[in-house]
């Protein structure tokens, strides 16, 4: 699997902001921890949470990449 650049990662996020993805992920975790859902609902929530975690990670990776480039440029 090839690594994505920050712009590729952002384009693949269906325009979901980091904050939106994180907020929804927190909600998914709360719902899973609260219980009371069927197995099918729990599995769907888990899958959605995995997707949201990946979206958040891509945003963070992209931010780190941008910061690293700025720091490298400043060091030159």
PDB file of N, CA and C in Angstrom:
ATOM      1  N   UNK A   1       0.840  -1.182   0.000  1.00  0.00           N
ATOM      2  CA  UNK A   1       0.000   0.000   0.000  1.00  0.00           C
ATOM      3  C   UNK A   1       0.883   1.242   0.000  1.00  0.00           C
ATOM      4  N   UNK A   2       0.695   2.121  -0.968  1.00  0.00           N
ATOM      5  CA  UNK A   2       1.512   3.319  -1.081  1.00  0.00           C
ATOM      6  C   UNK A   2       1.051   4.372  -0.084  1.00  0.00           C
ATOM      7  N   UNK A   3       2.010   5.168   0.395  1.00  0.00           N
ATOM      8  CA  UNK A   3       1.662   6.234   1.316  1.00  0.00           C
ATOM      9  C   UNK A   3       1.044   7.380   0.544  1.00  0.00           C
ATOM     10  N   UNK A   4       0.093   8.063   1.165  1.00  0.00           N
ATOM     11  CA  UNK A   4      -0.579   9.187   0.543  1.00  0.00           C
ATOM     12  C   UNK A   4       0.088  10.490   0.940  1.00  0.00           C
ATOM     13  N   UNK A   5       0.043  11.457   0.028  1.00  0.00           N
ATOM     14  CA  UNK A   5       0.461  12.796   0.403  1.00  0.00           C
ATOM     15  C   UNK A   5      -0.685  13.442   1.168  1.00  0.00           C
ATOM     16  N   UNK A   6      -0.410  14.567   1.791  1.00  0.00           N
ATOM     17  CA  UNK A   6      -1.451  15.245   2.569  1.00  0.00           C
ATOM     18  C   UNK A   6      -2.644  15.612   1.697  1.00  0.00           C
ATOM     19  N   UNK A   7      -2.384  16.103   0.488  1.00  0.00           N
ATOM     20  CA  UNK A   7      -3.503  16.505  -0.372  1.00  0.00           C
ATOM     21  C   UNK A   7      -4.312  15.304  -0.829  1.00  0.00           C
ATOM     22  N   UNK A   8      -3.654  14.177  -1.108  1.00  0.00           N
ATOM     23  CA  UNK A   8      -4.377  12.964  -1.484  1.00  0.00           C
ATOM     24  C   UNK A   8      -5.229  12.471  -0.320  1.00  0.00           C
ATOM     25  N   UNK A   9      -4.679  12.520   0.880  1.00  0.00           N
ATOM     26  CA  UNK A   9      -5.419  12.077   2.058  1.00  0.00           C
ATOM     27  C   UNK A   9      -6.636  12.962   2.283  1.00  0.00           C
ATOM     28  N   UNK A  10      -6.454  14.261   2.138  1.00  0.00           N
ATOM     29  CA  UNK A  10      -7.566  15.176   2.348  1.00  0.00           C
ATOM     30  C   UNK A  10      -8.638  14.977   1.282  1.00  0.00           C
ATOM     31  N   UNK A  11      -8.236  14.735   0.047  1.00  0.00           N
ATOM     32  CA  UNK A  11      -9.211  14.519  -1.029  1.00  0.00           C
ATOM     33  C   UNK A  11     -10.007  13.243  -0.784  1.00  0.00           C
ATOM     34  N   UNK A  12      -9.383  12.237  -0.186  1.00  0.00           N
ATOM     35  CA  UNK A  12     -10.046  10.971   0.058  1.00  0.00           C
ATOM     36  C   UNK A  12     -10.928  10.954   1.289  1.00  0.00           C
ATOM     37  N   UNK A  13     -11.032  12.056   1.959  1.00  0.00           N
ATOM     38  CA  UNK A  13     -11.812  12.094   3.195  1.00  0.00           C
ATOM     39  C   UNK A  13     -13.238  12.547   2.972  1.00  0.00           C
ATOM     40  N   UNK A  14     -13.650  12.663   1.723  1.00  0.00           N
ATOM     41  CA  UNK A  14     -15.017  13.066   1.419  1.00  0.00           C
ATOM     42  C   UNK A  14     -15.349  14.376   2.120  1.00  0.00           C
ATOM     43  N   UNK A  15     -14.404  15.266   2.202  1.00  0.00           N
ATOM     44  CA  UNK A  15     -14.533  16.596   2.793  1.00  0.00           C
ATOM     45  C   UNK A  15     -14.973  16.581   4.259  1.00  0.00           C
ATOM     46  N   UNK A  16     -14.713  15.491   4.966  1.00  0.00           N
ATOM     47  CA  UNK A  16     -14.983  15.435   6.403  1.00  0.00           C
ATOM     48  C   UNK A  16     -13.809  16.078   7.124  1.00  0.00           C
ATOM     49  N   UNK A  17     -14.089  17.070   7.939  1.00  0.00           N
ATOM     50  CA  UNK A  17     -13.009  17.716   8.682  1.00  0.00           C
ATOM     51  C   UNK A  17     -12.538  16.797   9.810  1.00  0.00           C
ATOM     52  N   UNK A  18     -11.360  17.075  10.311  1.00  0.00           N
ATOM     53  CA  UNK A  18     -10.825  16.312  11.434  1.00  0.00           C
ATOM     54  C   UNK A  18     -11.784  16.407  12.623  1.00  0.00           C
ATOM     55  N   UNK A  19     -12.249  17.624  12.884  1.00  0.00           N
ATOM     56  CA  UNK A  19     -13.110  17.843  14.036  1.00  0.00           C
ATOM     57  C   UNK A  19     -14.430  17.085  13.909  1.00  0.00           C
ATOM     58  N   UNK A  20     -15.004  17.073  12.708  1.00  0.00           N
ATOM     59  CA  UNK A  20     -16.252  16.340  12.489  1.00  0.00           C
ATOM     60  C   UNK A  20     -16.045  14.842  12.688  1.00  0.00           C
ATOM     61  N   UNK A  21     -14.958  14.327  12.118  1.00  0.00           N
ATOM     62  CA  UNK A  21     -14.674  12.895  12.243  1.00  0.00           C
ATOM     63  C   UNK A  21     -14.415  12.517  13.695  1.00  0.00           C
ATOM     64  N   UNK A  22     -13.656  13.339  14.401  1.00  0.00           N
ATOM     65  CA  UNK A  22     -13.350  13.057  15.802  1.00  0.00           C
ATOM     66  C   UNK A  22     -14.611  13.085  16.659  1.00  0.00           C
ATOM     67  N   UNK A  23     -15.467  14.081  16.414  1.00  0.00           N
ATOM     68  CA  UNK A  23     -16.703  14.195  17.188  1.00  0.00           C
ATOM     69  C   UNK A  23     -17.610  12.983  16.953  1.00  0.00           C
ATOM     70  N   UNK A  24     -17.731  12.579  15.700  1.00  0.00           N
ATOM     71  CA  UNK A  24     -18.560  11.408  15.417  1.00  0.00           C
ATOM     72  C   UNK A  24     -17.947  10.148  16.014  1.00  0.00           C
ATOM     73  N   UNK A  25     -16.622  10.047  15.977  1.00  0.00           N
ATOM     74  CA  UNK A  25     -15.938   8.890  16.559  1.00  0.00           C
ATOM     75  C   UNK A  25     -16.197   8.807  18.066  1.00  0.00           C
ATOM     76  N   UNK A  26     -16.145   9.933  18.740  1.00  0.00           N
ATOM     77  CA  UNK A  26     -16.440   9.962  20.179  1.00  0.00           C
ATOM     78  C   UNK A  26     -17.857   9.470  20.422  1.00  0.00           C
ATOM     79  N   UNK A  27     -18.800   9.896  19.589  1.00  0.00           N
ATOM     80  CA  UNK A  27     -20.185   9.458  19.728  1.00  0.00           C
ATOM     81  C   UNK A  27     -20.315   7.951  19.505  1.00  0.00           C
ATOM     82  N   UNK A  28     -19.621   7.436  18.502  1.00  0.00           N
ATOM     83  CA  UNK A  28     -19.653   5.999  18.229  1.00  0.00           C
ATOM     84  C   UNK A  28     -19.134   5.216  19.435  1.00  0.00           C
ATOM     85  N   UNK A  29     -18.031   5.670  20.004  1.00  0.00           N
ATOM     86  CA  UNK A  29     -17.447   4.981  21.162  1.00  0.00           C
ATOM     87  C   UNK A  29     -18.422   5.016  22.337  1.00  0.00           C
ATOM     88  N   UNK A  30     -19.040   6.159  22.576  1.00  0.00           N
ATOM     89  CA  UNK A  30     -20.018   6.261  23.665  1.00  0.00           C
ATOM     90  C   UNK A  30     -21.160   5.270  23.471  1.00  0.00           C
ATOM     91  N   UNK A  31     -21.668   5.196  22.247  1.00  0.00           N
ATOM     92  CA  UNK A  31     -22.785   4.291  21.970  1.00  0.00           C
ATOM     93  C   UNK A  31     -22.375   2.837  22.159  1.00  0.00           C
ATOM     94  N   UNK A  32     -21.154   2.484  21.730  1.00  0.00           N
ATOM     95  CA  UNK A  32     -20.681   1.113  21.920  1.00  0.00           C
ATOM     96  C   UNK A  32     -20.497   0.799  23.397  1.00  0.00           C
ATOM     97  N   UNK A  33     -19.931   1.744  24.149  1.00  0.00           N
ATOM     98  CA  UNK A  33     -19.709   1.518  25.567  1.00  0.00           C
ATOM     99  C   UNK A  33     -21.015   1.432  26.343  1.00  0.00           C
ATOM    100  N   UNK A  34     -22.032   2.150  25.906  1.00  0.00           N
ATOM    101  CA  UNK A  34     -23.324   2.147  26.594  1.00  0.00           C
ATOM    102  C   UNK A  34     -24.048   0.818  26.425  1.00  0.00           C
ATOM    103  N   UNK A  35     -23.755   0.124  25.336  1.00  0.00           N
ATOM    104  CA  UNK A  35     -24.419  -1.151  25.088  1.00  0.00           C
ATOM    105  C   UNK A  35     -25.856  -0.944  24.663  1.00  0.00           C
ATOM    106  N   UNK A  36     -26.622  -2.018  24.742  1.00  0.00           N
ATOM    107  CA  UNK A  36     -28.025  -1.929  24.388  1.00  0.00           C
ATOM    108  C   UNK A  36     -28.297  -1.979  22.900  1.00  0.00           C
ATOM    109  N   UNK A  37     -27.276  -2.262  22.099  1.00  0.00           N
ATOM    110  CA  UNK A  37     -27.483  -2.376  20.658  1.00  0.00           C
ATOM    111  C   UNK A  37     -27.409  -3.838  20.265  1.00  0.00           C
ATOM    112  N   UNK A  38     -28.005  -4.144  19.137  1.00  0.00           N
ATOM    113  CA  UNK A  38     -27.932  -5.513  18.631  1.00  0.00           C
ATOM    114  C   UNK A  38     -26.521  -5.786  18.138  1.00  0.00           C
ATOM    115  N   UNK A  39     -26.238  -7.044  17.913  1.00  0.00           N
ATOM    116  CA  UNK A  39     -24.930  -7.413  17.377  1.00  0.00           C
ATOM    117  C   UNK A  39     -24.691  -6.729  16.040  1.00  0.00           C
ATOM    118  N   UNK A  40     -25.693  -6.731  15.193  1.00  0.00           N
ATOM    119  CA  UNK A  40     -25.561  -6.103  13.871  1.00  0.00           C
ATOM    120  C   UNK A  40     -25.286  -4.603  13.995  1.00  0.00           C
ATOM    121  N   UNK A  41     -26.022  -3.929  14.896  1.00  0.00           N
ATOM    122  CA  UNK A  41     -25.799  -2.502  15.113  1.00  0.00           C
ATOM    123  C   UNK A  41     -24.403  -2.250  15.677  1.00  0.00           C
ATOM    124  N   UNK A  42     -23.977  -3.094  16.600  1.00  0.00           N
ATOM    125  CA  UNK A  42     -22.641  -2.950  17.187  1.00  0.00           C
ATOM    126  C   UNK A  42     -21.552  -3.114  16.135  1.00  0.00           C
ATOM    127  N   UNK A  43     -21.726  -4.096  15.257  1.00  0.00           N
ATOM    128  CA  UNK A  43     -20.747  -4.299  14.189  1.00  0.00           C
ATOM    129  C   UNK A  43     -20.711  -3.106  13.242  1.00  0.00           C
ATOM    130  N   UNK A  44     -21.866  -2.564  12.903  1.00  0.00           N
ATOM    131  CA  UNK A  44     -21.921  -1.393  12.028  1.00  0.00           C
ATOM    132  C   UNK A  44     -21.252  -0.192  12.694  1.00  0.00           C
ATOM    133  N   UNK A  45     -21.505  -0.010  13.994  1.00  0.00           N
ATOM    134  CA  UNK A  45     -20.855   1.076  14.728  1.00  0.00           C
ATOM    135  C   UNK A  45     -19.349   0.882  14.768  1.00  0.00           C
ATOM    136  N   UNK A  46     -18.912  -0.337  15.006  1.00  0.00           N
ATOM    137  CA  UNK A  46     -17.468  -0.637  15.044  1.00  0.00           C
ATOM    138  C   UNK A  46     -16.818  -0.295  13.709  1.00  0.00           C
ATOM    139  N   UNK A  47     -17.464  -0.727  12.618  1.00  0.00           N
ATOM    140  CA  UNK A  47     -16.919  -0.448  11.290  1.00  0.00           C
ATOM    141  C   UNK A  47     -16.857   1.049  11.016  1.00  0.00           C
ATOM    142  N   UNK A  48     -17.900   1.766  11.409  1.00  0.00           N
ATOM    143  CA  UNK A  48     -17.906   3.219  11.230  1.00  0.00           C
ATOM    144  C   UNK A  48     -16.798   3.850  12.064  1.00  0.00           C
ATOM    145  N   UNK A  49     -16.625   3.367  13.279  1.00  0.00           N
ATOM    146  CA  UNK A  49     -15.558   3.882  14.131  1.00  0.00           C
ATOM    147  C   UNK A  49     -14.184   3.644  13.539  1.00  0.00           C
ATOM    148  N   UNK A  50     -13.975   2.476  12.961  1.00  0.00           N
ATOM    149  CA  UNK A  50     -12.690   2.183  12.309  1.00  0.00           C
ATOM    150  C   UNK A  50     -12.440   3.157  11.166  1.00  0.00           C
ATOM    151  N   UNK A  51     -13.467   3.403  10.369  1.00  0.00           N
ATOM    152  CA  UNK A  51     -13.333   4.345   9.251  1.00  0.00           C
ATOM    153  C   UNK A  51     -13.004   5.746   9.765  1.00  0.00           C
ATOM    154  N   UNK A  52     -13.732   6.187  10.771  1.00  0.00           N
ATOM    155  CA  UNK A  52     -13.505   7.524  11.325  1.00  0.00           C
ATOM    156  C   UNK A  52     -12.107   7.645  11.922  1.00  0.00           C
ATOM    157  N   UNK A  53     -11.636   6.600  12.577  1.00  0.00           N
ATOM    158  CA  UNK A  53     -10.278   6.618  13.137  1.00  0.00           C
ATOM    159  C   UNK A  53      -9.252   6.759  12.020  1.00  0.00           C
ATOM    160  N   UNK A  54      -9.484   6.106  10.892  1.00  0.00           N
ATOM    161  CA  UNK A  54      -8.575   6.226   9.751  1.00  0.00           C
ATOM    162  C   UNK A  54      -8.594   7.638   9.174  1.00  0.00           C
ATOM    163  N   UNK A  55      -9.781   8.227   9.098  1.00  0.00           N
ATOM    164  CA  UNK A  55      -9.890   9.608   8.611  1.00  0.00           C
ATOM    165  C   UNK A  55      -9.090  10.538   9.519  1.00  0.00           C
ATOM    166  N   UNK A  56      -9.276  10.395  10.821  1.00  0.00           N
ATOM    167  CA  UNK A  56      -8.539  11.227  11.782  1.00  0.00           C
ATOM    168  C   UNK A  56      -7.035  11.023  11.638  1.00  0.00           C
ATOM    169  N   UNK A  57      -6.608   9.779  11.492  1.00  0.00           N
ATOM    170  CA  UNK A  57      -5.184   9.497  11.368  1.00  0.00           C
ATOM    171  C   UNK A  57      -4.592  10.117  10.108  1.00  0.00           C
ATOM    172  N   UNK A  58      -5.355  10.080   9.003  1.00  0.00           N
ATOM    173  CA  UNK A  58      -4.866  10.704   7.764  1.00  0.00           C
ATOM    174  C   UNK A  58      -4.715  12.207   7.943  1.00  0.00           C
ATOM    175  N   UNK A  59      -5.677  12.835   8.633  1.00  0.00           N
ATOM    176  CA  UNK A  59      -5.554  14.264   8.898  1.00  0.00           C
ATOM    177  C   UNK A  59      -4.305  14.554   9.735  1.00  0.00           C
ATOM    178  N   UNK A  60      -4.102  13.757  10.779  1.00  0.00           N
ATOM    179  CA  UNK A  60      -2.937  13.971  11.638  1.00  0.00           C
ATOM    180  C   UNK A  60      -1.635  13.722  10.892  1.00  0.00           C
ATOM    181  N   UNK A  61      -1.601  12.688  10.065  1.00  0.00           N
ATOM    182  CA  UNK A  61      -0.408  12.407   9.261  1.00  0.00           C
ATOM    183  C   UNK A  61      -0.130  13.552   8.293  1.00  0.00           C
ATOM    184  N   UNK A  62      -1.187  14.076   7.684  1.00  0.00           N
ATOM    185  CA  UNK A  62      -1.024  15.204   6.767  1.00  0.00           C
ATOM    186  C   UNK A  62      -0.522  16.445   7.476  1.00  0.00           C
ATOM    187  N   UNK A  63      -1.039  16.684   8.665  1.00  0.00           N
ATOM    188  CA  UNK A  63      -0.580  17.836   9.445  1.00  0.00           C
ATOM    189  C   UNK A  63       0.890  17.675   9.818  1.00  0.00           C
ATOM    190  N   UNK A  64       1.278  16.462  10.214  1.00  0.00           N
ATOM    191  CA  UNK A  64       2.675  16.203  10.578  1.00  0.00           C
ATOM    192  C   UNK A  64       3.584  16.407   9.365  1.00  0.00           C
ATOM    193  N   UNK A  65       3.127  15.956   8.207  1.00  0.00           N
ATOM    194  CA  UNK A  65       3.906  16.113   6.974  1.00  0.00           C
ATOM    195  C   UNK A  65       4.115  17.599   6.660  1.00  0.00           C
ATOM    196  N   UNK A  66       3.063  18.383   6.803  1.00  0.00           N
ATOM    197  CA  UNK A  66       3.176  19.818   6.549  1.00  0.00           C
ATOM    198  C   UNK A  66       4.128  20.486   7.536  1.00  0.00           C
ATOM    199  N   UNK A  67       4.025  20.117   8.812  1.00  0.00           N
ATOM    200  CA  UNK A  67       4.921  20.693   9.819  1.00  0.00           C
ATOM    201  C   UNK A  67       6.370  20.313   9.552  1.00  0.00           C
ATOM    202  N   UNK A  68       6.589  19.051   9.196  1.00  0.00           N
ATOM    203  CA  UNK A  68       7.953  18.604   8.898  1.00  0.00           C
ATOM    204  C   UNK A  68       8.556  19.389   7.744  1.00  0.00           C
ATOM    205  N   UNK A  69       7.755  19.658   6.708  1.00  0.00           N
ATOM    206  CA  UNK A  69       8.252  20.425   5.556  1.00  0.00           C
ATOM    207  C   UNK A  69       8.624  21.844   5.965  1.00  0.00           C
ATOM    208  N   UNK A  70       7.788  22.459   6.811  1.00  0.00           N
ATOM    209  CA  UNK A  70       8.093  23.807   7.271  1.00  0.00           C
ATOM    210  C   UNK A  70       9.364  23.810   8.108  1.00  0.00           C
ATOM    211  N   UNK A  71       9.497  22.826   8.989  1.00  0.00           N
ATOM    212  CA  UNK A  71      10.692  22.752   9.836  1.00  0.00           C
ATOM    213  C   UNK A  71      11.940  22.504   9.007  1.00  0.00           C
ATOM    214  N   UNK A  72      11.828  21.668   7.979  1.00  0.00           N
ATOM    215  CA  UNK A  72      12.969  21.419   7.097  1.00  0.00           C
ATOM    216  C   UNK A  72      13.348  22.677   6.346  1.00  0.00           C
ATOM    217  N   UNK A  73      12.364  23.437   5.866  1.00  0.00           N
ATOM    218  CA  UNK A  73      12.632  24.672   5.134  1.00  0.00           C
ATOM    219  C   UNK A  73      13.283  25.701   6.057  1.00  0.00           C
ATOM    220  N   UNK A  74      12.841  25.772   7.298  1.00  0.00           N
ATOM    221  CA  UNK A  74      13.429  26.710   8.264  1.00  0.00           C
ATOM    222  C   UNK A  74      14.856  26.338   8.605  1.00  0.00           C
ATOM    223  N   UNK A  75      15.184  25.049   8.552  1.00  0.00           N
ATOM    224  CA  UNK A  75      16.519  24.593   8.921  1.00  0.00           C
ATOM    225  C   UNK A  75      17.533  24.864   7.816  1.00  0.00           C
ATOM    226  N   UNK A  76      17.054  25.107   6.616  1.00  0.00           N
ATOM    227  CA  UNK A  76      17.968  25.347   5.482  1.00  0.00           C
ATOM    228  C   UNK A  76      18.501  26.722   5.445  1.00  0.00           C
TER     229      UNK A  76
END
